[in-house]
């Protein structure tokens, strides 16, 4: 369940220094700060998606191993 809390927390961008970040966004006439924030958010989203995919693969592997062990025990007991 820790992953769910992390996922929710990571879905929001909270700047480390909100006052400086707000000032930077006010003075960002070229839009470079906004592009930087967008890039960070997209990279974090990609990392979360990859983590979720690999967690699903891991769960499937553990399920397959469990099924194999059950069938092997049934076969050995016969």
C-alpha atoms as a PDB file:
ATOM      1  CA  UNK A   1       0.000   0.000   0.000  1.00  0.00           C
ATOM      2  CA  UNK A   2       2.970   2.352   0.345  1.00  0.00           C
ATOM      3  CA  UNK A   3       3.149   2.567  -3.432  1.00  0.00           C
ATOM      4  CA  UNK A   4      -0.399   3.934  -3.621  1.00  0.00           C
ATOM      5  CA  UNK A   5       0.468   6.792  -1.238  1.00  0.00           C
ATOM      6  CA  UNK A   6       3.648   7.502  -3.188  1.00  0.00           C
ATOM      7  CA  UNK A   7       1.746   7.501  -6.451  1.00  0.00           C
ATOM      8  CA  UNK A   8      -0.761  10.009  -5.116  1.00  0.00           C
ATOM      9  CA  UNK A   9       1.983  12.216  -3.680  1.00  0.00           C
ATOM     10  CA  UNK A  10       3.960  12.119  -6.929  1.00  0.00           C
ATOM     11  CA  UNK A  11       0.939  13.042  -9.014  1.00  0.00           C
ATOM     12  CA  UNK A  12       1.140  16.601  -7.694  1.00  0.00           C
ATOM     13  CA  UNK A  13       4.041  18.924  -8.266  1.00  0.00           C
ATOM     14  CA  UNK A  14       4.961  20.692  -5.049  1.00  0.00           C
ATOM     15  CA  UNK A  15       7.995  22.942  -5.443  1.00  0.00           C
ATOM     16  CA  UNK A  16      10.749  22.716  -2.868  1.00  0.00           C
ATOM     17  CA  UNK A  17      10.825  26.498  -2.459  1.00  0.00           C
ATOM     18  CA  UNK A  18       7.300  27.720  -3.290  1.00  0.00           C
ATOM     19  CA  UNK A  19       8.049  31.436  -2.809  1.00  0.00           C
ATOM     20  CA  UNK A  20      11.055  31.348  -5.131  1.00  0.00           C
ATOM     21  CA  UNK A  21       9.194  29.180  -7.608  1.00  0.00           C
ATOM     22  CA  UNK A  22       6.271  31.609  -7.657  1.00  0.00           C
ATOM     23  CA  UNK A  23       8.600  34.561  -8.164  1.00  0.00           C
ATOM     24  CA  UNK A  24      10.420  32.711 -10.931  1.00  0.00           C
ATOM     25  CA  UNK A  25       7.139  31.996 -12.703  1.00  0.00           C
ATOM     26  CA  UNK A  26       6.190  35.676 -12.508  1.00  0.00           C
ATOM     27  CA  UNK A  27       9.494  36.751 -13.997  1.00  0.00           C
ATOM     28  CA  UNK A  28       9.586  33.967 -16.601  1.00  0.00           C
ATOM     29  CA  UNK A  29       9.021  36.012 -19.726  1.00  0.00           C
ATOM     30  CA  UNK A  30      10.569  33.416 -22.052  1.00  0.00           C
ATOM     31  CA  UNK A  31       8.617  30.446 -20.677  1.00  0.00           C
ATOM     32  CA  UNK A  32      11.745  28.456 -19.850  1.00  0.00           C
ATOM     33  CA  UNK A  33      10.713  27.776 -16.223  1.00  0.00           C
ATOM     34  CA  UNK A  34       7.318  26.458 -17.365  1.00  0.00           C
ATOM     35  CA  UNK A  35       8.978  24.149 -19.916  1.00  0.00           C
ATOM     36  CA  UNK A  36      11.368  22.921 -17.207  1.00  0.00           C
ATOM     37  CA  UNK A  37       8.433  22.087 -14.885  1.00  0.00           C
ATOM     38  CA  UNK A  38       6.554  20.335 -17.686  1.00  0.00           C
ATOM     39  CA  UNK A  39       9.626  18.231 -18.465  1.00  0.00           C
ATOM     40  CA  UNK A  40       9.998  17.237 -14.799  1.00  0.00           C
ATOM     41  CA  UNK A  41       6.341  16.248 -14.499  1.00  0.00           C
ATOM     42  CA  UNK A  42       6.444  14.184 -17.714  1.00  0.00           C
ATOM     43  CA  UNK A  43       9.633  12.394 -16.637  1.00  0.00           C
ATOM     44  CA  UNK A  44       8.075  11.584 -13.263  1.00  0.00           C
ATOM     45  CA  UNK A  45       4.946  10.275 -14.999  1.00  0.00           C
ATOM     46  CA  UNK A  46       7.073   8.041 -17.240  1.00  0.00           C
ATOM     47  CA  UNK A  47       8.958   6.691 -14.226  1.00  0.00           C
ATOM     48  CA  UNK A  48       5.678   5.957 -12.413  1.00  0.00           C
ATOM     49  CA  UNK A  49       4.290   4.152 -15.447  1.00  0.00           C
ATOM     50  CA  UNK A  50       7.429   2.021 -15.811  1.00  0.00           C
ATOM     51  CA  UNK A  51       7.382   1.177 -12.090  1.00  0.00           C
ATOM     52  CA  UNK A  52       3.717   0.151 -12.286  1.00  0.00           C
ATOM     53  CA  UNK A  53       4.415  -2.030 -15.343  1.00  0.00           C
ATOM     54  CA  UNK A  54       7.301  -3.837 -13.655  1.00  0.00           C
ATOM     55  CA  UNK A  55       5.278  -4.322 -10.463  1.00  0.00           C
ATOM     56  CA  UNK A  56       2.521  -5.951 -12.551  1.00  0.00           C
ATOM     57  CA  UNK A  57       5.084  -8.207 -14.245  1.00  0.00           C
ATOM     58  CA  UNK A  58       6.497  -9.182 -10.847  1.00  0.00           C
ATOM     59  CA  UNK A  59       3.040 -10.009  -9.495  1.00  0.00           C
ATOM     60  CA  UNK A  60       2.333 -12.173 -12.550  1.00  0.00           C
ATOM     61  CA  UNK A  61       5.633 -14.009 -12.113  1.00  0.00           C
ATOM     62  CA  UNK A  62       4.918 -14.730  -8.425  1.00  0.00           C
ATOM     63  CA  UNK A  63       1.443 -15.983  -9.364  1.00  0.00           C
ATOM     64  CA  UNK A  64       2.909 -18.265 -12.074  1.00  0.00           C
ATOM     65  CA  UNK A  65       5.522 -19.634  -9.666  1.00  0.00           C
ATOM     66  CA  UNK A  66       2.799 -20.341  -7.090  1.00  0.00           C
ATOM     67  CA  UNK A  67       0.668 -22.157  -9.664  1.00  0.00           C
ATOM     68  CA  UNK A  68       3.658 -24.224 -10.781  1.00  0.00           C
ATOM     69  CA  UNK A  69       4.451 -25.187  -7.172  1.00  0.00           C
ATOM     70  CA  UNK A  70       0.822 -26.229  -6.541  1.00  0.00           C
ATOM     71  CA  UNK A  71       0.713 -28.411  -9.648  1.00  0.00           C
ATOM     72  CA  UNK A  72       4.086 -29.933  -8.850  1.00  0.00           C
ATOM     73  CA  UNK A  73       2.930 -30.839  -5.317  1.00  0.00           C
ATOM     74  CA  UNK A  74      -0.292 -32.342  -6.708  1.00  0.00           C
ATOM     75  CA  UNK A  75       1.710 -34.365  -9.237  1.00  0.00           C
ATOM     76  CA  UNK A  76       4.195 -35.562  -6.594  1.00  0.00           C
ATOM     77  CA  UNK A  77       1.430 -36.631  -4.192  1.00  0.00           C
ATOM     78  CA  UNK A  78      -0.204 -38.891  -6.813  1.00  0.00           C
END
